[in-house]
Amino acid sequence: MKTQALALLVGVDLGLPNFDTNLQELGLLAQTAGLEPVARITCKRKAPDAALFIGSGKADEIKMLALDTGATEVLFDQSLSPAQQRNLERHLEMPVNDRTLLILEIFAQRARSHEGKLQVELARLQYVSTRLVRRWSHLERQTGGAGVRGGPGEKQIELDKRMIGDAIKRTKERLTKVKKQRQTQRKQRERRNAFSISLVGYTNAGKSTLFNALVKASAYTADQLFATLDTTTRQLYLGEAGRSASLSDTVGFIRDLPHGLIDAFAATLKEAVDADLLLHVVDGSNPDYLEQIEQVQRVLSEIGAADVPQILVFNKLDAIEKSSLPLHLKDKFELRDAFEGSSRSVERVFVSAKTGEGLNLLRELLAAQAASVQTSDIPQTPQ
């Protein structure tokens, strides 16, 4: 049986809002990636140290804590530069990784479709391409003697850069073909004039559970981060009028989602951009739900989907304190723009995808939204 690697979690408070003092989310990411968090340490700094991100004194403290707890890897909640990562590994004498690589590792483990695997591979290659100086630091002494250029070490680095560059080019070409296939499928739906709905939301908000409940499907669900990476689309029957819509389950968002992943998953997230309606699923039982809503809005703005109409679906009603709920389970919510600061009023509905409570009300809202759009050619569902 494979032994779990033991991870020491590090968070640096740089005075930015929403600092995770308990490193709870980083711990969940570590567990999802197959690591076991054994210790957590945080510190405050006005700005990152150029060489070690943290000061040398704090680095010594981390090294001692790792020795005391048996940690075999150090994980930072922030992104590290290649030089900082290399310097920390030398100082701590153990592997050091950051939040970005952790998310990439999880995506690599979870991707199932051909497109998903290509997208993850592209993001991973782009990340690794910036770390070559770290990967080949043991060859620094081989860069040639006095006045000699182009020693074996330098040649190896250049060779590796070329190999990774070629791999990035090939992966982009393969992704372009997959995108064209997806565009063809999307155009077919548009020709049918089908009303399209995409589920979006913070990771582990319960999107896939809601998807399964609405369309009676069996998409993979688990109480962990990034359970779903590949977009799944099914037909959703919307009630008495016999109307139907296409419902897509998309990858979950997270704080500080690596930009490489946003770019690499552009084809998958295109489902959200092209949707007629977004079901923004929120974990209503999470005390940080407002921050999570803000993070999702930020990513939606980045991918050009900020103006798509939304319904906020507060999920996990079965785990919400009933006294904290509004008198009517359907009401309005002021949704703020992540960048402009403006707000708009959107529908909010409380449901439990697990028990089914509130789903009839949600279906009524969806049917009303579909009816408000010119969809006279939507296919009729056989009775």
Foldseek 3Di string as FASTA:
>chain_A
DDDAAEEEEEEECQPDPPGPPPCVQVQLLCVLLRHHYQYYDYYYDVFQDPQQRDDLVVLVVVLVVCVVRVHQEYEYADQDQLRNQLNSCVSSVHHYYYPQVSVLSSQCVQDDDPLSNLLSVLLVLVVVLRNLCSVLVVCPVQQDDVPDGDGPSVVVSVVVNVVSVVVNVVSVVVNVVVLVVLVVVVVVCVVLLAAEEEEEFAFQLCQVLLVCLQQVDCQDDDNGGFNDAAKDWDWGQQDDVQFIHIYIYHTYFDPCHDVSSLVSCLSRCVSLQPHQEYAYRFQLLDPCRVVRLLRRLVSCVVSNNNPRHYEYEHEPPVNDDPVPADPDQKDWDWRARNPPRHTDIHIYGYAYSPVGPRVVVVSVVVVVSVVVDPRPSGDGDDD
